[in-house]
Amino acid sequence: MIRRLEERDIPEARRIVQLAFGTFVGAPDPGRFFSDIDYVETRWRADNSAAFVAEIDGKVVGSNFATGWGSVGFFGPLTVHPDLWNKGVAQQLMQPVMECFDRWNVTHAGLYTFAESPKHIALYQRYGFYPRFLTAILSKPLDPGRACEMTHTKFSELPSSDRDRVIETCYRLTDSIYPGLNVEREVRAIHAQNLGDTVMIWNDAELVAFAVCHCGPGTEAGNNKCYIKFGAARPGSGIGLHFEALIRACESFSASRGLTQLVAGVNLARHEAYTSILSQGFRVDRTGVTMHRPSEPGYSRAGVFVIDDWR
C-alpha cells in the first residue's frame, strides 16, 4: 500500500534511507550511513502532502518525497528496504510523485541519481526522465578563525514585516533564470525549522544573489557542514562577480556558525558556475547525473550561475 507519510513513520523511514544508501554504496555499517543527515523529517515538514511511504503488512518499507519549486519539480530520496529491492516497490512509490507534478503544473521535472547505476537510470526512464549532464557535489574546507568577512543579509534577521516582500524579490530573481522557478518553499522551511538561513547579497536596493543554506546535524548538511541547497546570481551585468561574492558570503556565514566545511552541487552544463566555484577552492567529492522530464536543459545551461543538485 502507498500512502502519505505520517509523523509516526519518520523514524522508520529515516532508518530505511540510511540502510538503503549505506547498502548500495557498500558502507561498513549501512545502518549508520547518513546518520547525521536528515532528508525525511525536513522534507515532510516542508510539505507533508508530498511525502509518501510504501507499507506492507503494517510496516513501512520505503519512502519518496516530491519537491515543488514553482514550475520546477524534483523528487527523492526514493528508498526501499534492501530486502525488497527489485520487487516493484520503487515503481509504486513513483506514482504519487508524478501525480504531484501534474497537480502542480510543473513544466520541468527532474531527479539526481547514481550515474554509474544502469538500474536506477532505466527505472526513471520509464517515467519519461532522461539523463543529461553530470552534476558535481563539491566541498571546501573552512577555517572559522580565518574566514574573510563578506557583507550580506540573513533572512532570519529581517523584520517579520519585510519577509514576504523579500521572498517575492527572490522569486523575481529565479523567475528571470527560468520562468516560474520559485524556491519560496526552501526559504520558509529553513526559517520555520531552524535548519540554517538564507544569505542575500544586495547592490544598493537590488537583490543580486542569494543562497538557502542548511547547517549542521539533523539537516541536509550534516556534522560541521553548511550545505547550499540552492543559490543563484541574477542574470545580467556583473553576474560572475555577484556569484563569487555569494560564495564568499556563504563562507562567512558558515564560519559565523562554527562550521568547517561548505558543500555545494553544480550541474556541469552550467560550466561558468562550475569553473567559478572550482577557482574558489572547492574540490569535487563525487558526481551524479540529473535526469530531466522533458529531456530539455531547463536552467542547466551555459550562462546560468545556479547552485543546486536535486538530491
Protein backbone atom coordinates (compact mmCIF):
# COMPACT_ATOMS: atom_id res chain seq x y z
CA MET A 1 0.00 0.00 0.00
CA ILE A 2 1.19 3.52 -0.83
CA ARG A 3 0.03 6.31 1.45
CA ARG A 4 1.12 9.68 2.76
CA LEU A 5 3.92 9.65 5.30
CA GLU A 6 2.74 10.46 8.81
CA GLU A 7 4.79 11.79 11.70
CA ARG A 8 4.83 8.37 13.37
CA ASP A 9 6.55 6.96 10.26
CA ILE A 10 9.53 9.30 10.40
CA PRO A 11 11.93 7.16 12.49
CA GLU A 12 11.45 4.05 10.35
CA ALA A 13 11.54 5.97 7.08
CA ARG A 14 14.78 7.63 8.20
CA ARG A 15 16.26 4.26 9.16
CA ILE A 16 15.47 2.82 5.73
CA VAL A 17 17.03 5.83 3.98
CA GLN A 18 20.26 5.22 5.90
CA LEU A 19 20.18 1.45 5.35
CA ALA A 20 19.35 1.65 1.63
CA PHE A 21 22.02 4.19 0.73
CA GLY A 22 24.57 2.57 3.02
CA THR A 23 23.95 -0.84 1.46
CA PHE A 24 24.15 0.48 -2.10
CA VAL A 25 27.49 2.24 -1.59
CA GLY A 26 28.93 -0.63 0.44
CA ALA A 27 29.35 1.24 3.72
CA PRO A 28 30.86 -0.90 6.51
CA ASP A 29 27.87 -0.16 8.77
CA PRO A 30 24.97 0.59 6.38
CA GLY A 31 22.53 1.37 9.17
CA ARG A 32 24.71 4.28 10.31
CA PHE A 33 25.16 5.84 6.87
CA PHE A 34 23.77 9.41 6.69
CA SER A 35 23.26 9.24 10.47
CA ASP A 36 24.00 12.97 10.80
CA ILE A 37 21.79 13.99 7.83
CA ASP A 38 18.00 14.15 7.78
CA TYR A 39 16.13 14.15 4.48
CA VAL A 40 12.94 12.67 5.92
CA GLU A 41 11.64 14.97 8.64
CA THR A 42 12.89 18.15 6.95
CA ARG A 43 11.05 17.39 3.71
CA TRP A 44 7.94 16.06 5.46
CA ARG A 45 7.68 19.28 7.49
CA ALA A 46 8.26 21.38 4.38
CA ASP A 47 5.25 19.76 2.65
CA ASN A 48 3.62 16.73 4.25
CA SER A 49 1.22 16.38 1.31
CA ALA A 50 4.17 15.41 -0.93
CA ALA A 51 5.80 12.76 1.28
CA PHE A 52 4.87 9.11 0.74
CA VAL A 53 5.59 5.68 2.18
CA ALA A 54 5.15 2.13 1.00
CA GLU A 55 3.66 -0.17 3.61
CA ILE A 56 3.49 -3.98 3.68
CA ASP A 57 1.68 -5.84 6.48
CA GLY A 58 1.58 -2.66 8.53
CA LYS A 59 5.32 -1.97 8.22
CA VAL A 60 6.95 0.93 6.39
CA VAL A 61 9.30 -0.47 3.72
CA GLY A 62 10.18 2.62 1.67
CA SER A 63 9.54 6.29 1.04
CA ASN A 64 9.68 9.03 -1.57
CA PHE A 65 9.39 12.82 -1.49
CA ALA A 66 8.29 15.34 -4.12
CA THR A 67 9.61 18.89 -4.03
CA GLY A 68 7.91 21.77 -5.81
CA TRP A 69 9.91 24.83 -6.81
CA GLY A 70 7.15 26.60 -8.71
CA SER A 71 7.35 25.42 -12.31
CA VAL A 72 10.19 23.05 -11.41
CA GLY A 73 9.75 19.78 -9.54
CA PHE A 74 12.09 17.03 -8.44
CA PHE A 75 11.85 14.01 -6.18
CA GLY A 76 13.87 11.94 -3.77
CA PRO A 77 15.33 10.39 -1.92
CA LEU A 78 13.42 7.35 -3.13
CA THR A 79 14.47 4.45 -0.92
CA VAL A 80 13.27 0.89 -0.35
CA HIS A 81 14.41 -1.58 2.28
CA PRO A 82 17.17 -3.72 0.69
CA ASP A 83 15.22 -6.92 1.40
CA LEU A 84 12.61 -5.70 -1.10
CA TRP A 85 14.83 -4.42 -3.89
CA ASN A 86 13.72 -5.45 -7.39
CA LYS A 87 10.19 -6.24 -6.12
CA GLY A 88 8.38 -3.33 -7.77
CA VAL A 89 8.11 -1.16 -4.64
CA ALA A 90 10.09 1.71 -6.17
CA GLN A 91 7.75 1.86 -9.16
CA GLN A 92 4.76 2.12 -6.83
CA LEU A 93 6.43 4.99 -4.97
CA MET A 94 6.85 6.86 -8.24
CA GLN A 95 3.12 7.13 -8.92
CA PRO A 96 2.14 9.68 -6.23
CA VAL A 97 5.17 11.82 -7.08
CA MET A 98 4.16 12.01 -10.73
CA GLU A 99 0.66 12.96 -9.61
CA CYS A 100 2.16 15.81 -7.55
CA PHE A 101 3.99 17.13 -10.61
CA ASP A 102 0.75 17.03 -12.61
CA ARG A 103 -1.17 18.79 -9.85
CA TRP A 104 1.48 21.49 -9.54
CA ASN A 105 1.57 22.06 -13.33
CA VAL A 106 5.34 21.50 -13.33
CA THR A 107 6.94 22.32 -16.69
CA HIS A 108 10.38 20.92 -15.87
CA ALA A 109 10.85 17.91 -13.58
CA GLY A 110 13.93 16.01 -12.57
CA LEU A 111 15.99 13.99 -10.14
CA TYR A 112 19.57 13.25 -9.13
CA THR A 113 20.81 9.68 -9.19
CA PHE A 114 23.87 7.46 -9.42
CA ALA A 115 25.49 7.95 -12.82
CA GLU A 116 27.09 4.51 -12.58
CA SER A 117 23.82 2.64 -11.99
CA PRO A 118 22.04 1.41 -15.14
CA LYS A 119 19.25 0.07 -12.92
CA HIS A 120 18.42 3.49 -11.49
CA ILE A 121 18.60 5.21 -14.86
CA ALA A 122 16.39 2.56 -16.50
CA LEU A 123 13.78 2.87 -13.75
CA TYR A 124 13.39 6.61 -14.16
CA GLN A 125 13.41 6.45 -17.95
CA ARG A 126 10.15 4.50 -17.69
CA TYR A 127 8.58 7.70 -16.39
CA GLY A 128 9.97 9.95 -19.10
CA PHE A 129 13.14 11.14 -17.34
CA TYR A 130 16.32 11.22 -19.41
CA PRO A 131 19.92 11.61 -18.23
CA ARG A 132 21.51 14.93 -19.06
CA PHE A 133 24.83 16.34 -17.81
CA LEU A 134 26.72 15.20 -14.74
CA THR A 135 26.26 17.13 -11.51
CA ALA A 136 29.24 17.57 -9.21
CA ILE A 137 28.99 17.65 -5.42
CA LEU A 138 31.83 19.84 -4.23
CA SER A 139 33.19 20.91 -0.87
CA LYS A 140 35.65 23.37 0.57
CA PRO A 141 37.29 23.20 4.00
CA LEU A 142 36.85 26.29 6.12
CA ASP A 143 38.85 27.76 8.95
CA PRO A 144 36.32 29.70 11.03
CA GLY A 145 39.09 31.75 12.61
CA ARG A 146 40.42 32.94 9.24
CA ALA A 147 37.31 33.30 7.09
CA CYS A 148 37.06 36.68 5.37
CA GLU A 149 34.03 38.79 6.06
CA MET A 150 31.62 39.42 3.20
CA THR A 151 28.75 41.83 3.69
CA HIS A 152 25.44 40.02 3.42
CA THR A 153 21.93 39.96 4.81
CA LYS A 154 20.33 36.97 6.51
CA PHE A 155 16.63 36.18 6.21
CA SER A 156 16.39 35.39 9.92
CA GLU A 157 17.46 38.94 10.78
CA LEU A 158 14.78 40.64 8.69
CA PRO A 159 11.79 42.21 10.43
CA SER A 160 8.83 39.88 10.04
CA SER A 161 7.01 42.62 8.15
CA ASP A 162 9.68 42.51 5.41
CA ARG A 163 9.90 38.76 4.85
CA ASP A 164 7.09 38.33 2.34
CA ARG A 165 8.46 41.18 0.27
CA VAL A 166 11.97 39.70 0.26
CA ILE A 167 10.66 36.27 -0.71
CA GLU A 168 8.87 37.90 -3.65
CA THR A 169 12.16 39.58 -4.58
CA CYS A 170 13.90 36.20 -4.52
CA TYR A 171 11.19 34.86 -6.81
CA ARG A 172 11.70 37.65 -9.31
CA LEU A 173 15.38 36.71 -9.46
CA THR A 174 14.74 32.99 -10.03
CA ASP A 175 11.93 33.68 -12.49
CA SER A 176 14.44 35.62 -14.59
CA ILE A 177 16.57 32.44 -14.78
CA TYR A 178 13.76 30.02 -15.61
CA PRO A 179 10.10 31.07 -15.89
CA GLY A 180 8.20 30.12 -12.76
CA LEU A 181 11.20 28.81 -10.80
CA ASN A 182 10.42 29.63 -7.17
CA VAL A 183 12.27 28.37 -4.08
CA GLU A 184 9.98 30.06 -1.55
CA ARG A 185 9.34 26.63 -0.04
CA GLU A 186 13.03 26.27 0.85
CA VAL A 187 13.38 29.75 2.31
CA ARG A 188 10.33 29.30 4.53
CA ALA A 189 11.18 25.71 5.54
CA ILE A 190 14.71 26.60 6.60
CA HIS A 191 13.43 29.52 8.66
CA ALA A 192 10.50 27.67 10.22
CA GLN A 193 12.52 24.57 11.09
CA ASN A 194 15.66 26.46 12.10
CA LEU A 195 17.72 24.43 9.64
CA GLY A 196 20.07 27.24 8.66
CA ASP A 197 19.43 30.54 6.91
CA THR A 198 19.06 32.33 3.59
CA VAL A 199 22.03 34.54 2.70
CA MET A 200 21.46 37.55 0.43
CA ILE A 201 23.73 39.91 -1.50
CA TRP A 202 22.39 43.36 -2.43
CA ASN A 203 23.64 46.06 -4.78
CA ASP A 204 22.00 49.13 -3.29
CA ALA A 205 18.33 48.08 -3.19
CA GLU A 206 18.65 45.33 -5.83
CA LEU A 207 18.98 41.67 -4.83
CA VAL A 208 21.80 40.31 -7.00
CA ALA A 209 22.32 36.87 -5.42
CA PHE A 210 21.01 34.64 -2.64
CA ALA A 211 21.57 31.17 -1.21
CA VAL A 212 19.44 28.95 1.00
CA CYS A 213 21.69 27.01 3.36
CA HIS A 214 21.32 24.03 5.69
CA CYS A 215 23.69 23.95 8.66
CA GLY A 216 24.89 21.10 10.86
CA PRO A 217 23.45 17.76 12.03
CA GLY A 218 19.76 16.98 11.70
CA THR A 219 19.55 18.93 8.44
CA GLU A 220 20.52 18.08 4.86
CA ALA A 221 24.06 19.28 5.62
CA GLY A 222 25.43 17.02 8.36
CA ASN A 223 28.02 17.45 11.07
CA ASN A 224 30.17 20.58 10.81
CA LYS A 225 28.89 21.37 7.31
CA CYS A 226 26.99 24.14 5.57
CA TYR A 227 25.14 22.86 2.50
CA ILE A 228 24.00 25.34 -0.14
CA LYS A 229 20.77 23.69 -1.22
CA PHE A 230 20.03 26.44 -3.73
CA GLY A 231 21.98 29.51 -4.75
CA ALA A 232 21.66 31.89 -7.69
CA ALA A 233 23.01 35.12 -9.10
CA ARG A 234 20.80 37.49 -11.09
CA PRO A 235 21.39 37.38 -14.87
CA GLY A 236 22.97 40.50 -16.32
CA SER A 237 25.99 42.67 -15.88
CA GLY A 238 28.38 41.54 -13.14
CA ILE A 239 26.77 38.11 -12.72
CA GLY A 240 30.12 36.35 -12.30
CA LEU A 241 31.28 38.79 -9.63
CA HIS A 242 27.97 38.54 -7.81
CA PHE A 243 28.23 34.74 -7.82
CA GLU A 244 31.73 34.91 -6.36
CA ALA A 245 30.51 37.34 -3.71
CA LEU A 246 27.70 34.92 -2.84
CA ILE A 247 30.16 32.09 -2.28
CA ARG A 248 32.31 34.30 -0.05
CA ALA A 249 29.21 35.35 1.88
CA CYS A 250 28.30 31.69 2.42
CA GLU A 251 31.81 31.08 3.70
CA SER A 252 31.47 33.97 6.16
CA PHE A 253 28.06 32.77 7.24
CA SER A 254 29.37 29.22 7.74
CA ALA A 255 32.30 30.48 9.78
CA SER A 256 29.95 32.50 11.98
CA ARG A 257 28.15 29.24 12.78
CA GLY A 258 31.42 27.48 13.66
CA LEU A 259 31.18 25.14 10.66
CA THR A 260 34.27 23.75 8.97
CA GLN A 261 33.08 22.67 5.52
CA LEU A 262 30.98 24.29 2.77
CA VAL A 263 29.18 21.93 0.36
CA ALA A 264 27.51 22.78 -2.95
CA GLY A 265 26.28 20.99 -6.07
CA VAL A 266 26.62 22.35 -9.59
CA ASN A 267 25.35 20.89 -12.85
CA LEU A 268 28.26 20.74 -15.28
CA ALA A 269 26.16 22.23 -18.07
CA ARG A 270 26.47 25.49 -16.13
CA HIS A 271 30.16 25.48 -16.95
CA GLU A 272 30.87 29.10 -15.96
CA ALA A 273 29.39 28.48 -12.50
CA TYR A 274 31.34 25.23 -12.21
CA THR A 275 34.60 26.91 -13.24
CA SER A 276 33.95 29.75 -10.80
CA ILE A 277 33.34 27.51 -7.83
CA LEU A 278 36.46 25.46 -8.59
CA SER A 279 38.52 28.65 -8.75
CA GLN A 280 37.37 29.49 -5.22
CA GLY A 281 38.97 26.41 -3.69
CA PHE A 282 36.23 23.78 -3.98
CA ARG A 283 37.06 20.22 -4.94
CA VAL A 284 34.77 17.55 -6.38
CA ASP A 285 33.79 14.83 -3.87
CA ARG A 286 31.54 12.82 -6.17
CA THR A 287 29.40 13.12 -9.27
CA GLY A 288 25.89 12.01 -10.15
CA VAL A 289 23.60 12.59 -13.07
CA THR A 290 20.46 14.68 -13.21
CA MET A 291 17.60 13.28 -15.25
CA HIS A 292 15.09 15.66 -16.83
CA ARG A 293 11.47 15.39 -17.93
CA PRO A 294 11.11 16.54 -20.65
CA SER A 295 14.62 15.98 -21.99
CA GLU A 296 15.45 19.68 -22.12
CA PRO A 297 18.14 21.75 -20.38
CA GLY A 298 15.75 23.79 -18.23
CA TYR A 299 18.05 26.12 -16.33
CA SER A 300 21.07 23.78 -16.60
CA ARG A 301 22.77 25.64 -19.42
CA ALA A 302 25.68 27.94 -20.17
CA GLY A 303 25.49 31.40 -18.65
CA VAL A 304 23.40 30.32 -15.66
CA PHE A 305 25.02 30.80 -12.26
CA VAL A 306 22.94 28.47 -10.08
CA ILE A 307 23.89 26.06 -7.31
CA ASP A 308 21.66 23.04 -6.76
CA ASP A 309 21.79 19.28 -7.27
CA TRP A 310 18.25 17.86 -6.79
CA ARG A 311 19.34 15.33 -4.17
